[in-house]
Amino acid sequence: MPGILVPEMRVPISVRCTSDPRDLAHAIDVRRVVFVAEQGVREDEELDGLDPQCEHFVAEIEGRVVGTARMRPKPEDPSVAKAERVAVLRELRGAGVGRAIMAALEAEAALRGFETVLLAAQVSAIPFYERLGYEAFGEPFDDARIEHRWMKRAIRRDSRA
């Protein structure tokens, strides 16, 4: 395992949209570390059976998967992409990994014709998403015993990571 990188250190981050089973396994490993081990989410809640319906994104640094997200259309509104399961390993939070993942997700959403990205943000992550241009709306709600708020951002078809 590579050494821990300090958040102030800027390193090349590679993000890609993937359906490779090996990438998906690494993405789920990151989600287990972040959501199950760190945050106490039950594994059956985290692994909700929706992964086959999603586009998956993995972020790598020096060949190691360090972050992930998934995207799927909002069933009630095909113009809206839902960003879900955004996770970055603790030692790399603040190093630009989350920003890179969201830029790639938004670019892919724009290419696929979505007009808006919607997400349920943990309340502690709202400032991060606000810096990316997301706006919170609605009342806080509980998801997996963690307080969340809905957030959204309009995207343009010419959005590129």
C-alpha atoms as a PDB file:
ATOM      1  CA  MET A   1       0.000   0.000   0.000  1.00  0.00           C
ATOM      2  CA  PRO A   2       1.446   3.426  -0.911  1.00  0.00           C
ATOM      3  CA  GLY A   3       2.194   5.889   1.857  1.00  0.00           C
ATOM      4  CA  ILE A   4      -0.433   8.309   3.064  1.00  0.00           C
ATOM      5  CA  LEU A   5      -0.519  11.546   1.107  1.00  0.00           C
ATOM      6  CA  VAL A   6      -1.126  14.801   2.944  1.00  0.00           C
ATOM      7  CA  PRO A   7      -4.097  16.879   1.701  1.00  0.00           C
ATOM      8  CA  GLU A   8      -1.885  19.868   0.809  1.00  0.00           C
ATOM      9  CA  MET A   9       0.040  17.691  -1.647  1.00  0.00           C
ATOM     10  CA  ARG A  10      -1.247  17.987  -5.212  1.00  0.00           C
ATOM     11  CA  VAL A  11      -0.820  14.802  -7.205  1.00  0.00           C
ATOM     12  CA  PRO A  12      -2.146  13.681 -10.582  1.00  0.00           C
ATOM     13  CA  ILE A  13      -5.645  12.260 -10.178  1.00  0.00           C
ATOM     14  CA  SER A  14      -7.118  10.097 -12.915  1.00  0.00           C
ATOM     15  CA  VAL A  15     -10.912   9.688 -13.009  1.00  0.00           C
ATOM     16  CA  ARG A  16     -12.779   7.505 -15.446  1.00  0.00           C
ATOM     17  CA  CYS A  17     -16.270   6.228 -16.051  1.00  0.00           C
ATOM     18  CA  THR A  18     -16.036   2.442 -15.990  1.00  0.00           C
ATOM     19  CA  SER A  19     -17.925  -0.823 -16.158  1.00  0.00           C
ATOM     20  CA  ASP A  20     -14.834  -2.996 -15.661  1.00  0.00           C
ATOM     21  CA  PRO A  21     -15.616  -5.547 -12.904  1.00  0.00           C
ATOM     22  CA  ARG A  22     -12.186  -4.996 -11.319  1.00  0.00           C
ATOM     23  CA  ASP A  23     -12.810  -1.244 -11.081  1.00  0.00           C
ATOM     24  CA  LEU A  24     -16.256  -1.864  -9.619  1.00  0.00           C
ATOM     25  CA  ALA A  25     -14.757  -4.176  -6.994  1.00  0.00           C
ATOM     26  CA  HIS A  26     -12.269  -1.448  -6.029  1.00  0.00           C
ATOM     27  CA  ALA A  27     -15.080   1.132  -5.938  1.00  0.00           C
ATOM     28  CA  ILE A  28     -17.097  -1.066  -3.592  1.00  0.00           C
ATOM     29  CA  ASP A  29     -14.006  -1.534  -1.417  1.00  0.00           C
ATOM     30  CA  VAL A  30     -13.710   2.263  -1.083  1.00  0.00           C
ATOM     31  CA  ARG A  31     -17.415   2.514  -0.245  1.00  0.00           C
ATOM     32  CA  ARG A  32     -17.065  -0.187   2.411  1.00  0.00           C
ATOM     33  CA  VAL A  33     -14.158   1.678   4.020  1.00  0.00           C
ATOM     34  CA  VAL A  34     -15.890   5.082   3.952  1.00  0.00           C
ATOM     35  CA  PHE A  35     -19.538   4.259   4.552  1.00  0.00           C
ATOM     36  CA  VAL A  36     -19.531   0.937   6.410  1.00  0.00           C
ATOM     37  CA  ALA A  37     -16.309   1.033   8.463  1.00  0.00           C
ATOM     38  CA  GLU A  38     -15.985   4.808   9.092  1.00  0.00           C
ATOM     39  CA  GLN A  39     -19.616   5.903   9.204  1.00  0.00           C
ATOM     40  CA  GLY A  40     -21.347   2.801  10.500  1.00  0.00           C
ATOM     41  CA  VAL A  41     -23.741   2.311   7.574  1.00  0.00           C
ATOM     42  CA  ARG A  42     -25.023  -1.240   7.418  1.00  0.00           C
ATOM     43  CA  GLU A  43     -23.540  -3.117   4.461  1.00  0.00           C
ATOM     44  CA  ASP A  44     -26.982  -4.144   3.191  1.00  0.00           C
ATOM     45  CA  GLU A  45     -27.930  -0.451   3.043  1.00  0.00           C
ATOM     46  CA  GLU A  46     -24.729   0.524   1.263  1.00  0.00           C
ATOM     47  CA  LEU A  47     -24.903  -2.311  -1.261  1.00  0.00           C
ATOM     48  CA  ASP A  48     -28.491  -1.560  -2.257  1.00  0.00           C
ATOM     49  CA  GLY A  49     -28.698  -3.578  -5.474  1.00  0.00           C
ATOM     50  CA  LEU A  50     -28.761  -0.491  -7.720  1.00  0.00           C
ATOM     51  CA  ASP A  51     -25.143  -0.698  -8.911  1.00  0.00           C
ATOM     52  CA  PRO A  52     -26.044  -2.551 -12.158  1.00  0.00           C
ATOM     53  CA  GLN A  53     -28.279   0.405 -13.134  1.00  0.00           C
ATOM     54  CA  CYS A  54     -25.510   2.984 -12.633  1.00  0.00           C
ATOM     55  CA  GLU A  55     -22.540   4.495 -14.385  1.00  0.00           C
ATOM     56  CA  HIS A  56     -19.519   4.179 -12.077  1.00  0.00           C
ATOM     57  CA  PHE A  57     -16.566   6.513 -11.648  1.00  0.00           C
ATOM     58  CA  VAL A  58     -13.248   5.656 -10.060  1.00  0.00           C
ATOM     59  CA  ALA A  59     -10.471   8.042  -9.092  1.00  0.00           C
ATOM     60  CA  GLU A  60      -6.917   6.739  -9.041  1.00  0.00           C
ATOM     61  CA  ILE A  61      -3.658   8.097  -7.764  1.00  0.00           C
ATOM     62  CA  GLU A  62      -0.550   6.170  -8.790  1.00  0.00           C
ATOM     63  CA  GLY A  63      -2.710   3.182  -9.800  1.00  0.00           C
ATOM     64  CA  ARG A  64      -4.603   2.998  -6.494  1.00  0.00           C
ATOM     65  CA  VAL A  65      -8.382   3.568  -6.449  1.00  0.00           C
ATOM     66  CA  VAL A  66      -8.906   6.275  -3.831  1.00  0.00           C
ATOM     67  CA  GLY A  67     -12.404   7.541  -4.603  1.00  0.00           C
ATOM     68  CA  THR A  68     -15.614   6.669  -6.372  1.00  0.00           C
ATOM     69  CA  ALA A  69     -19.133   7.756  -7.271  1.00  0.00           C
ATOM     70  CA  ARG A  70     -22.040   6.411  -9.243  1.00  0.00           C
ATOM     71  CA  MET A  71     -24.637   8.088 -11.422  1.00  0.00           C
ATOM     72  CA  ARG A  72     -28.065   7.033 -12.616  1.00  0.00           C
ATOM     73  CA  PRO A  73     -31.077   8.756 -14.119  1.00  0.00           C
ATOM     74  CA  LYS A  74     -33.703   9.938 -11.678  1.00  0.00           C
ATOM     75  CA  PRO A  75     -36.608   7.580 -12.454  1.00  0.00           C
ATOM     76  CA  GLU A  76     -39.260  10.310 -12.248  1.00  0.00           C
ATOM     77  CA  ASP A  77     -37.337  12.837 -14.386  1.00  0.00           C
ATOM     78  CA  PRO A  78     -35.045  11.708 -17.227  1.00  0.00           C
ATOM     79  CA  SER A  79     -33.434  15.169 -17.437  1.00  0.00           C
ATOM     80  CA  VAL A  80     -31.911  14.673 -13.966  1.00  0.00           C
ATOM     81  CA  ALA A  81     -28.860  12.577 -13.129  1.00  0.00           C
ATOM     82  CA  LYS A  82     -28.486  11.420  -9.529  1.00  0.00           C
ATOM     83  CA  ALA A  83     -24.944  11.390  -8.153  1.00  0.00           C
ATOM     84  CA  GLU A  84     -24.689   8.773  -5.447  1.00  0.00           C
ATOM     85  CA  ARG A  85     -22.152   7.007  -3.239  1.00  0.00           C
ATOM     86  CA  VAL A  86     -19.527   9.735  -3.610  1.00  0.00           C
ATOM     87  CA  ALA A  87     -16.651   8.526  -1.442  1.00  0.00           C
ATOM     88  CA  VAL A  88     -12.987   9.433  -0.997  1.00  0.00           C
ATOM     89  CA  LEU A  89     -10.555   7.659   1.309  1.00  0.00           C
ATOM     90  CA  ARG A  90     -10.023   9.704   4.467  1.00  0.00           C
ATOM     91  CA  GLU A  91      -6.315  10.325   3.954  1.00  0.00           C
ATOM     92  CA  LEU A  92      -7.007  11.968   0.582  1.00  0.00           C
ATOM     93  CA  ARG A  93      -9.943  14.200   1.465  1.00  0.00           C
ATOM     94  CA  GLY A  94      -9.030  17.778   0.677  1.00  0.00           C
ATOM     95  CA  ALA A  95      -6.554  16.748  -2.034  1.00  0.00           C
ATOM     96  CA  GLY A  96      -8.907  17.415  -4.968  1.00  0.00           C
ATOM     97  CA  VAL A  97     -10.137  13.842  -5.458  1.00  0.00           C
ATOM     98  CA  GLY A  98     -13.795  14.631  -4.757  1.00  0.00           C
ATOM     99  CA  ARG A  99     -13.676  17.679  -7.020  1.00  0.00           C
ATOM    100  CA  ALA A 100     -12.164  15.574  -9.820  1.00  0.00           C
ATOM    101  CA  ILE A 101     -14.797  12.853  -9.415  1.00  0.00           C
ATOM    102  CA  MET A 102     -17.644  15.364  -9.541  1.00  0.00           C
ATOM    103  CA  ALA A 103     -16.155  17.125 -12.595  1.00  0.00           C
ATOM    104  CA  ALA A 104     -15.970  13.797 -14.445  1.00  0.00           C
ATOM    105  CA  LEU A 105     -19.490  12.837 -13.374  1.00  0.00           C
ATOM    106  CA  GLU A 106     -20.900  16.199 -14.483  1.00  0.00           C
ATOM    107  CA  ALA A 107     -19.101  15.992 -17.837  1.00  0.00           C
ATOM    108  CA  GLU A 108     -20.485  12.499 -18.452  1.00  0.00           C
ATOM    109  CA  ALA A 109     -23.963  13.628 -17.384  1.00  0.00           C
ATOM    110  CA  ALA A 110     -23.801  16.515 -19.860  1.00  0.00           C
ATOM    111  CA  LEU A 111     -22.648  14.204 -22.660  1.00  0.00           C
ATOM    112  CA  ARG A 112     -25.618  11.945 -21.938  1.00  0.00           C
ATOM    113  CA  GLY A 113     -28.024  14.879 -22.198  1.00  0.00           C
ATOM    114  CA  PHE A 114     -28.869  15.428 -18.535  1.00  0.00           C
ATOM    115  CA  GLU A 115     -29.636  19.008 -17.519  1.00  0.00           C
ATOM    116  CA  THR A 116     -29.272  18.758 -13.745  1.00  0.00           C
ATOM    117  CA  VAL A 117     -27.260  16.738 -11.244  1.00  0.00           C
ATOM    118  CA  LEU A 118     -29.093  15.910  -8.018  1.00  0.00           C
ATOM    119  CA  LEU A 119     -27.537  14.428  -4.897  1.00  0.00           C
ATOM    120  CA  ALA A 120     -28.324  13.716  -1.268  1.00  0.00           C
ATOM    121  CA  ALA A 121     -25.419  15.276   0.609  1.00  0.00           C
ATOM    122  CA  GLN A 122     -24.433  14.406   4.118  1.00  0.00           C
ATOM    123  CA  VAL A 123     -24.838  17.651   6.049  1.00  0.00           C
ATOM    124  CA  SER A 124     -21.106  17.658   6.846  1.00  0.00           C
ATOM    125  CA  ALA A 125     -20.336  17.631   3.083  1.00  0.00           C
ATOM    126  CA  ILE A 126     -22.645  20.513   2.117  1.00  0.00           C
ATOM    127  CA  PRO A 127     -19.820  23.122   2.108  1.00  0.00           C
ATOM    128  CA  PHE A 128     -17.831  20.941  -0.310  1.00  0.00           C
ATOM    129  CA  TYR A 129     -20.736  20.701  -2.743  1.00  0.00           C
ATOM    130  CA  GLU A 130     -21.547  24.406  -2.373  1.00  0.00           C
ATOM    131  CA  ARG A 131     -17.990  25.211  -3.511  1.00  0.00           C
ATOM    132  CA  LEU A 132     -18.772  23.174  -6.644  1.00  0.00           C
ATOM    133  CA  GLY A 133     -21.905  25.216  -7.351  1.00  0.00           C
ATOM    134  CA  TYR A 134     -24.566  22.971  -5.811  1.00  0.00           C
ATOM    135  CA  GLU A 135     -27.513  24.489  -3.970  1.00  0.00           C
ATOM    136  CA  ALA A 136     -29.179  22.833  -0.996  1.00  0.00           C
ATOM    137  CA  PHE A 137     -32.960  22.648  -0.873  1.00  0.00           C
ATOM    138  CA  GLY A 138     -35.638  21.054   1.245  1.00  0.00           C
ATOM    139  CA  GLU A 139     -35.526  19.976   4.840  1.00  0.00           C
ATOM    140  CA  PRO A 140     -32.823  17.731   6.302  1.00  0.00           C
ATOM    141  CA  PHE A 141     -33.651  14.035   6.259  1.00  0.00           C
ATOM    142  CA  ASP A 142     -32.191  10.826   7.619  1.00  0.00           C
ATOM    143  CA  ASP A 143     -30.515   8.306   5.322  1.00  0.00           C
ATOM    144  CA  ALA A 144     -28.750   5.373   6.992  1.00  0.00           C
ATOM    145  CA  ARG A 145     -28.917   7.259  10.305  1.00  0.00           C
ATOM    146  CA  ILE A 146     -26.923  10.183   8.829  1.00  0.00           C
ATOM    147  CA  GLU A 147     -28.480  13.612   8.289  1.00  0.00           C
ATOM    148  CA  HIS A 148     -28.650  14.647   4.605  1.00  0.00           C
ATOM    149  CA  ARG A 149     -30.035  17.433   2.443  1.00  0.00           C
ATOM    150  CA  TRP A 150     -30.910  17.426  -1.231  1.00  0.00           C
ATOM    151  CA  MET A 151     -28.626  19.477  -3.454  1.00  0.00           C
ATOM    152  CA  LYS A 152     -28.713  20.210  -7.172  1.00  0.00           C
ATOM    153  CA  ARG A 153     -26.739  21.924  -9.889  1.00  0.00           C
ATOM    154  CA  ALA A 154     -27.676  22.756 -13.448  1.00  0.00           C
ATOM    155  CA  ILE A 155     -25.119  21.548 -15.975  1.00  0.00           C
ATOM    156  CA  ARG A 156     -24.462  22.552 -19.547  1.00  0.00           C
ATOM    157  CA  ARG A 157     -23.959  20.176 -22.430  1.00  0.00           C
ATOM    158  CA  ASP A 158     -20.515  21.690 -22.980  1.00  0.00           C
ATOM    159  CA  SER A 159     -19.361  20.782 -19.427  1.00  0.00           C
ATOM    160  CA  ARG A 160     -16.033  19.019 -19.666  1.00  0.00           C
ATOM    161  CA  ALA A 161     -13.786  17.656 -16.927  1.00  0.00           C
END
